[in-house]
Protein backbone atom coordinates (compact mmCIF):
# COMPACT_ATOMS: atom_id res chain seq x y z
CA MET A 1 13.21 -61.59 185.24
CA PRO A 2 12.68 -60.18 181.71
CA ALA A 3 15.45 -58.12 180.12
CA ALA A 4 15.03 -54.37 180.15
CA PRO A 5 14.00 -52.96 176.78
CA PRO A 6 16.84 -51.31 174.89
CA SER A 7 17.01 -47.56 175.22
CA PRO A 8 15.75 -45.77 172.10
CA THR A 9 18.32 -44.57 169.61
CA LEU A 10 18.49 -41.02 168.34
CA ILE A 11 16.72 -42.07 165.13
CA ASP A 12 13.96 -43.77 167.16
CA ARG A 13 13.47 -40.60 169.20
CA LEU A 14 13.42 -38.37 166.11
CA LEU A 15 10.87 -40.63 164.40
CA ALA A 16 8.74 -40.81 167.55
CA GLU A 17 8.72 -37.05 167.89
CA LYS A 18 7.85 -36.58 164.21
CA VAL A 19 10.94 -34.49 163.61
CA LEU A 20 12.97 -36.48 161.10
CA PHE A 21 10.51 -36.51 158.21
CA PRO A 22 9.78 -32.76 158.27
CA LEU A 23 13.54 -32.06 158.45
CA LEU A 24 14.18 -34.38 155.50
CA GLY A 25 11.33 -32.72 153.61
CA ILE A 26 12.74 -29.25 154.20
CA ALA A 27 16.22 -30.37 153.17
CA LEU A 28 14.87 -32.00 149.99
CA LEU A 29 12.75 -28.97 149.09
CA GLY A 30 15.68 -26.61 149.67
CA SER A 31 18.01 -28.67 147.53
CA LEU A 32 15.45 -28.92 144.72
CA MET A 33 14.91 -25.16 144.77
CA PHE A 34 18.67 -24.53 144.74
CA MET A 35 19.19 -27.01 141.91
CA GLY A 36 16.33 -25.49 139.97
CA LEU A 37 17.94 -22.04 139.97
CA ARG A 38 21.41 -23.19 139.00
CA PRO A 39 22.24 -22.39 135.41
CA LYS A 40 22.10 -25.48 133.22
CA HIS A 41 22.34 -26.09 129.50
CA TYR A 42 18.90 -26.38 127.92
CA GLY A 43 20.18 -26.01 124.37
CA PRO A 44 20.26 -23.08 122.00
CA ALA A 45 17.72 -20.31 122.38
CA PRO A 46 15.30 -20.18 119.46
CA ASP A 47 15.40 -16.92 117.54
CA PHE A 48 12.45 -14.54 117.33
CA GLU A 49 11.77 -11.05 116.11
CA LEU A 50 9.22 -8.93 117.97
CA PRO A 51 8.10 -5.30 117.76
CA SER A 52 9.13 -2.81 120.42
CA VAL A 53 6.48 -1.12 122.55
CA SER A 54 6.29 2.62 121.91
CA ALA A 55 5.92 5.30 124.58
CA GLU A 56 2.26 5.52 123.53
CA GLY A 57 1.67 1.80 124.08
CA ALA A 58 1.58 0.68 120.47
CA VAL A 59 3.74 -1.77 118.59
CA ALA A 60 6.58 0.10 116.95
CA GLU A 61 9.90 -0.13 115.21
CA PRO A 62 12.56 -1.18 115.69
CA GLN A 63 11.90 -4.88 115.76
CA VAL A 64 14.01 -6.68 118.34
CA ARG A 65 15.62 -9.87 117.12
CA LEU A 66 16.99 -12.20 119.77
CA GLN A 67 19.86 -13.30 117.50
CA SER A 68 21.11 -9.69 117.38
CA LEU A 69 21.73 -9.80 121.16
CA ARG A 70 24.24 -12.65 120.85
CA GLY A 71 27.39 -11.76 122.79
CA SER A 72 25.34 -10.40 125.70
CA VAL A 73 23.74 -12.29 128.55
CA VAL A 74 19.99 -11.98 127.91
CA LEU A 75 17.25 -12.27 130.49
CA LEU A 76 13.81 -12.68 128.90
CA ASP A 77 10.84 -11.89 131.13
CA PHE A 78 7.49 -13.14 129.80
CA TRP A 79 4.88 -11.06 131.62
CA ALA A 80 1.45 -9.40 131.47
CA THR A 81 0.04 -6.29 133.11
CA TRP A 82 -2.80 -8.25 134.76
CA CYS A 83 -0.39 -10.73 136.41
CA GLY A 84 0.23 -9.97 140.12
CA PRO A 85 3.46 -11.99 140.42
CA CYS A 86 4.70 -10.30 137.23
CA ARG A 87 4.12 -6.86 138.75
CA ALA A 88 5.95 -7.95 141.92
CA GLU A 89 8.92 -9.04 139.82
CA LEU A 90 9.24 -5.84 137.74
CA PRO A 91 11.19 -3.86 140.41
CA ILE A 92 13.57 -6.82 140.78
CA LEU A 93 14.23 -6.89 137.04
CA ALA A 94 14.69 -3.12 136.92
CA SER A 95 17.23 -3.33 139.76
CA LEU A 96 19.15 -6.21 138.16
CA HIS A 97 19.17 -4.41 134.83
CA ARG A 98 20.77 -1.35 136.43
CA ARG A 99 23.24 -3.49 138.39
CA TYR A 100 24.48 -5.68 135.52
CA GLU A 101 23.91 -3.69 132.32
CA ALA A 102 27.52 -2.45 132.23
CA ARG A 103 28.71 -6.08 132.51
CA GLY A 104 26.69 -7.17 129.50
CA LEU A 105 23.22 -8.12 130.78
CA ARG A 106 20.32 -7.26 128.48
CA VAL A 107 16.86 -7.59 130.01
CA VAL A 108 14.01 -7.92 127.52
CA GLY A 109 10.46 -7.74 128.85
CA VAL A 110 8.19 -9.78 126.57
CA ASN A 111 4.64 -8.55 127.12
CA VAL A 112 1.93 -11.09 126.33
CA ASP A 113 -1.24 -9.09 127.09
CA GLU A 114 -3.99 -10.33 124.76
CA GLY A 115 -5.53 -6.87 124.48
CA GLY A 116 -2.30 -5.31 123.23
CA PRO A 117 0.48 -3.39 124.89
CA SER A 118 -1.47 -0.20 125.62
CA LEU A 119 -0.83 -0.37 129.39
CA VAL A 120 2.89 -1.16 129.10
CA PRO A 121 4.14 2.49 129.16
CA GLN A 122 2.24 3.12 132.40
CA PHE A 123 4.06 0.16 133.98
CA GLN A 124 7.35 1.29 132.46
CA ARG A 125 7.06 4.70 134.12
CA HIS A 126 5.67 3.42 137.43
CA PHE A 127 8.38 0.77 137.91
CA GLY A 128 11.24 2.69 136.25
CA LEU A 129 11.83 0.01 133.63
CA GLY A 130 14.88 1.09 131.66
CA TYR A 131 15.18 -2.13 129.71
CA THR A 132 13.81 -3.18 126.32
CA LEU A 133 10.11 -3.99 126.14
CA VAL A 134 8.63 -5.94 123.24
CA TYR A 135 5.18 -7.28 122.44
CA ASP A 136 4.62 -10.93 121.60
CA ASP A 137 1.71 -10.07 119.31
CA ARG A 138 1.18 -13.57 117.87
CA GLY A 139 2.47 -15.60 120.82
CA GLU A 140 5.47 -16.67 118.72
CA ALA A 141 8.17 -16.24 121.37
CA SER A 142 5.95 -17.72 124.07
CA ARG A 143 5.46 -20.88 121.97
CA LEU A 144 9.16 -21.11 121.07
CA PHE A 145 10.15 -20.99 124.75
CA GLY A 146 7.29 -23.19 125.98
CA VAL A 147 5.83 -20.55 128.28
CA GLN A 148 2.93 -22.06 130.21
CA GLY A 149 2.62 -19.66 133.14
CA LEU A 150 3.52 -16.13 134.08
CA PRO A 151 5.94 -14.79 134.91
CA THR A 152 8.47 -16.95 133.12
CA LEU A 153 12.16 -16.02 133.04
CA VAL A 154 14.66 -17.37 130.53
CA LEU A 155 18.38 -16.66 131.00
CA ILE A 156 20.53 -16.97 127.86
CA ASP A 157 24.33 -16.93 127.94
CA ARG A 158 26.61 -15.00 125.58
CA SER A 159 26.80 -17.86 123.09
CA GLY A 160 23.00 -18.12 122.81
CA GLU A 161 22.48 -21.15 125.09
CA VAL A 162 19.49 -21.20 127.44
CA ARG A 163 20.92 -21.59 130.93
CA LEU A 164 17.86 -21.04 133.16
CA ARG A 165 14.11 -21.39 132.79
CA HIS A 166 12.00 -20.36 135.75
CA ALA A 167 8.23 -20.03 136.00
CA GLY A 168 6.74 -18.12 138.92
CA GLY A 169 8.15 -15.55 141.31
CA ILE A 170 11.81 -15.43 142.26
CA SER A 171 13.87 -13.47 144.76
CA GLU A 172 16.35 -10.84 143.63
CA ASP A 173 19.20 -12.66 145.37
CA ASP A 174 18.44 -15.98 143.67
CA LEU A 175 18.17 -14.39 140.24
CA ALA A 176 21.32 -12.30 140.79
CA HIS A 177 23.19 -15.49 141.72
CA ALA A 178 22.07 -17.19 138.48
CA ILE A 179 23.06 -14.11 136.43
CA GLU A 180 26.48 -13.92 138.11
CA GLN A 181 27.19 -17.50 137.08
CA VAL A 182 26.77 -16.75 133.38
CA LEU A 183 28.18 -13.21 133.15
């Protein structure tokens, strides 16, 4: 009489039911996303000087120099008016600016519209943007920070070190967590 086959182990059952690999995939994806939003040290932030955007939508004085913001935590938001994910992120940035401004957070919206910043004031009013808006007229800051897609966020600590680089949309909670870690 042949021996009875061994009963399947838990791992055998999970593999047979195609459960283990999706669970491992979800766990790996979650850990990569969490690790990607944790502040790290990317090195010193390169300096730039960009013109402010006036209430009329033109480039204006004063120029904003990144180096002058040293001592504050700075959140750069590279964005454009035509970018849907950028528009979705504007209320998040406005909220975080209000929440953390008194603790030293400076949000700087870096507009990269090729046609100029003429639409920026409309967005500023519509979304209640109370933070600094500048225009990257020659793409200088975008090149310095290696911006390849929009929106791109760069979080800089008080000593001028880049601590987070994130391309694409982000939740308010995730971004608040990253800001809290460097405030």
